[in-house]
């Protein structure tokens, strides 16, 4: 499959979410009220969105663009932080108005966790890399050609629920 430069971006567009996401979470928590059940619900909602987008959009509709990331994991490839930050900026007042500021905070915190973990997973020299060996292993399997499994980056929860989790590469299991 040929690579695509469609999602290649500047370093600013790549790293911006690492600064804006925590600010959005803080803003939502300050707006309040802080409701723990909504925070947990937002984290779960994010993990479900992450799984669904990765599985059904990145590996089908945007397969070519996403494959570019699989070929060069350190390139600034993805959905621009300008777009995600704009969406989160528009959602914050709506969620606050609806009394869902804590749900929003959990959702954006989940997104921040996702981008942070994904960043570390592709940088073995990062100080935090040694603390997430299971997630790294799952994601490494996902990056192998022919392994259409392990779509959850920050959590394997939905892979277990929907039967797309694999711990050992299927080819290695068949050979062993």
Protein backbone atom coordinates (compact mmCIF):
# COMPACT_ATOMS: atom_id res chain seq x y z
CA UNK A 1 0.00 0.00 0.00
CA UNK A 2 1.39 3.38 -1.00
CA UNK A 3 1.92 6.01 1.67
CA UNK A 4 0.08 9.33 1.76
CA UNK A 5 1.34 12.75 2.83
CA UNK A 6 -2.20 14.01 3.46
CA UNK A 7 -1.84 13.88 7.27
CA UNK A 8 1.75 15.11 7.45
CA UNK A 9 1.88 18.27 9.56
CA UNK A 10 4.19 20.76 11.20
CA UNK A 11 5.64 20.07 14.63
CA UNK A 12 3.43 22.84 16.06
CA UNK A 13 0.29 21.24 14.64
CA UNK A 14 1.47 17.90 16.08
CA UNK A 15 2.39 19.05 19.59
CA UNK A 16 -0.28 21.70 20.23
CA UNK A 17 -2.72 19.21 21.82
CA UNK A 18 -0.12 18.36 24.45
CA UNK A 19 -0.62 21.91 25.76
CA UNK A 20 -4.26 22.64 24.95
CA UNK A 21 -5.81 19.38 26.20
CA UNK A 22 -4.66 19.86 29.82
CA UNK A 23 -5.91 23.46 29.67
CA UNK A 24 -9.33 22.28 28.47
CA UNK A 25 -9.47 19.69 31.27
CA UNK A 26 -8.51 22.30 33.86
CA UNK A 27 -11.06 24.74 32.45
CA UNK A 28 -13.83 22.15 32.63
CA UNK A 29 -12.92 21.23 36.21
CA UNK A 30 -12.93 24.90 37.22
CA UNK A 31 -16.34 25.40 35.63
CA UNK A 32 -17.55 22.33 37.54
CA UNK A 33 -19.18 20.80 39.31
CA UNK A 34 -16.65 17.98 39.59
CA UNK A 35 -18.62 14.75 39.46
CA UNK A 36 -16.45 11.59 39.72
CA UNK A 37 -18.96 9.39 37.89
CA UNK A 38 -18.90 11.80 34.94
CA UNK A 39 -15.09 11.87 34.93
CA UNK A 40 -15.00 8.06 34.75
CA UNK A 41 -17.76 8.09 32.13
CA UNK A 42 -15.77 10.56 30.03
CA UNK A 43 -12.66 8.37 30.21
CA UNK A 44 -14.69 5.33 29.14
CA UNK A 45 -16.36 7.33 26.37
CA UNK A 46 -12.97 8.46 25.08
CA UNK A 47 -11.60 4.90 25.08
CA UNK A 48 -14.64 3.78 23.08
CA UNK A 49 -14.21 6.65 20.60
CA UNK A 50 -10.48 5.91 20.30
CA UNK A 51 -11.18 2.24 19.54
CA UNK A 52 -13.96 3.00 17.05
CA UNK A 53 -12.07 5.72 15.17
CA UNK A 54 -8.91 3.63 14.99
CA UNK A 55 -10.68 0.46 13.89
CA UNK A 56 -13.43 1.76 11.62
CA UNK A 57 -11.98 4.99 10.22
CA UNK A 58 -8.19 4.68 10.33
CA UNK A 59 -8.19 1.08 9.13
CA UNK A 60 -10.84 1.51 6.44
CA UNK A 61 -11.85 4.98 5.23
CA UNK A 62 -8.46 6.62 6.01
CA UNK A 63 -6.38 3.49 5.65
CA UNK A 64 -3.82 5.00 3.29
CA UNK A 65 -3.23 8.05 5.47
CA UNK A 66 -2.98 5.93 8.62
CA UNK A 67 -0.66 3.44 6.92
CA UNK A 68 1.84 6.28 6.54
CA UNK A 69 2.09 6.33 10.35
CA UNK A 70 2.71 2.58 10.35
CA UNK A 71 5.58 3.13 7.89
CA UNK A 72 7.17 6.06 9.74
CA UNK A 73 6.10 6.11 13.40
CA UNK A 74 8.17 9.18 14.27
CA UNK A 75 6.85 11.44 11.51
CA UNK A 76 4.37 14.18 12.42
CA UNK A 77 1.39 12.30 11.03
CA UNK A 78 -2.14 12.43 12.33
CA UNK A 79 -5.11 14.72 12.68
CA UNK A 80 -3.93 18.28 13.21
CA UNK A 81 -4.11 19.64 16.75
CA UNK A 82 -5.67 22.78 15.27
CA UNK A 83 -8.72 20.68 14.37
CA UNK A 84 -8.98 18.72 17.62
CA UNK A 85 -8.41 21.84 19.73
CA UNK A 86 -11.11 23.69 17.78
CA UNK A 87 -13.57 20.85 18.40
CA UNK A 88 -12.74 20.76 22.12
CA UNK A 89 -13.05 24.56 22.34
CA UNK A 90 -16.53 24.39 20.81
CA UNK A 91 -17.62 21.47 23.02
CA UNK A 92 -16.58 23.01 26.35
CA UNK A 93 -19.27 25.71 26.60
CA UNK A 94 -21.92 23.29 25.36
CA UNK A 95 -20.96 20.64 27.90
CA UNK A 96 -20.78 23.25 30.67
CA UNK A 97 -24.26 24.49 29.76
CA UNK A 98 -25.62 20.93 29.83
CA UNK A 99 -24.01 20.18 33.21
CA UNK A 100 -21.52 17.78 31.64
CA UNK A 101 -18.28 19.62 32.39
CA UNK A 102 -16.89 16.62 34.30
CA UNK A 103 -17.82 14.24 31.47
CA UNK A 104 -16.01 16.60 29.09
CA UNK A 105 -12.99 16.74 31.42
CA UNK A 106 -12.82 12.93 31.50
CA UNK A 107 -13.16 12.71 27.72
CA UNK A 108 -10.40 15.24 27.05
CA UNK A 109 -8.21 13.70 29.78
CA UNK A 110 -8.66 10.36 27.99
CA UNK A 111 -7.60 11.97 24.72
CA UNK A 112 -4.54 13.48 26.43
CA UNK A 113 -3.67 10.07 27.88
CA UNK A 114 -4.03 8.55 24.41
CA UNK A 115 -1.77 11.04 22.63
CA UNK A 116 0.79 10.88 25.44
CA UNK A 117 0.93 7.08 25.57
CA UNK A 118 1.03 6.79 21.79
CA UNK A 119 3.90 9.26 21.67
CA UNK A 120 5.88 7.31 24.29
CA UNK A 121 5.14 3.91 22.68
CA UNK A 122 7.18 4.90 19.63
CA UNK A 123 10.11 6.29 21.61
CA UNK A 124 11.90 3.55 23.59
CA UNK A 125 14.35 6.11 25.00
CA UNK A 126 11.57 8.03 26.74
CA UNK A 127 11.70 7.75 30.56
CA UNK A 128 8.07 6.54 30.77
CA UNK A 129 8.44 3.78 28.15
CA UNK A 130 9.50 1.18 30.73
CA UNK A 131 6.24 1.64 32.67
CA UNK A 132 3.94 0.54 29.83
CA UNK A 133 5.42 -2.71 28.45
CA UNK A 134 2.03 -4.39 27.95
CA UNK A 135 0.60 -1.48 25.98
CA UNK A 136 3.80 -1.21 23.94
CA UNK A 137 3.69 -4.94 23.11
CA UNK A 138 0.01 -4.72 22.07
CA UNK A 139 0.70 -1.71 19.88
CA UNK A 140 3.80 -3.29 18.33
CA UNK A 141 1.65 -6.27 17.32
CA UNK A 142 -0.87 -3.87 15.82
CA UNK A 143 1.87 -2.29 13.68
CA UNK A 144 2.93 -5.63 12.20
CA UNK A 145 1.76 -6.16 8.66
CA UNK A 146 -1.26 -8.41 8.53
CA UNK A 147 -2.25 -7.98 12.20
CA UNK A 148 -5.61 -6.22 12.15
CA UNK A 149 -6.03 -6.39 15.92
CA UNK A 150 -5.30 -4.35 19.08
CA UNK A 151 -6.94 -1.10 17.98
CA UNK A 152 -7.06 0.31 21.50
CA UNK A 153 -3.88 2.29 22.10
CA UNK A 154 -4.42 3.56 25.63
CA UNK A 155 -6.41 0.51 26.75
CA UNK A 156 -7.20 -2.97 25.41
CA UNK A 157 -10.69 -2.82 27.01
CA UNK A 158 -12.74 -2.55 23.82
CA UNK A 159 -10.50 -5.02 21.97
CA UNK A 160 -11.48 -7.57 24.63
CA UNK A 161 -15.16 -6.60 24.39
CA UNK A 162 -15.28 -6.84 20.59
CA UNK A 163 -12.89 -9.79 20.12
CA UNK A 164 -10.10 -7.87 18.40
CA UNK A 165 -7.48 -8.40 21.10
CA UNK A 166 -4.49 -10.60 20.38
CA UNK A 167 -1.54 -11.12 22.72
CA UNK A 168 0.65 -13.26 20.51
CA UNK A 169 0.94 -12.70 16.80
CA UNK A 170 -1.39 -15.12 15.00
CA UNK A 171 1.36 -16.20 12.60
CA UNK A 172 3.66 -17.03 15.51
CA UNK A 173 0.88 -19.05 17.20
CA UNK A 174 0.21 -21.01 14.00
CA UNK A 175 3.93 -21.69 13.53
CA UNK A 176 4.46 -22.65 17.19
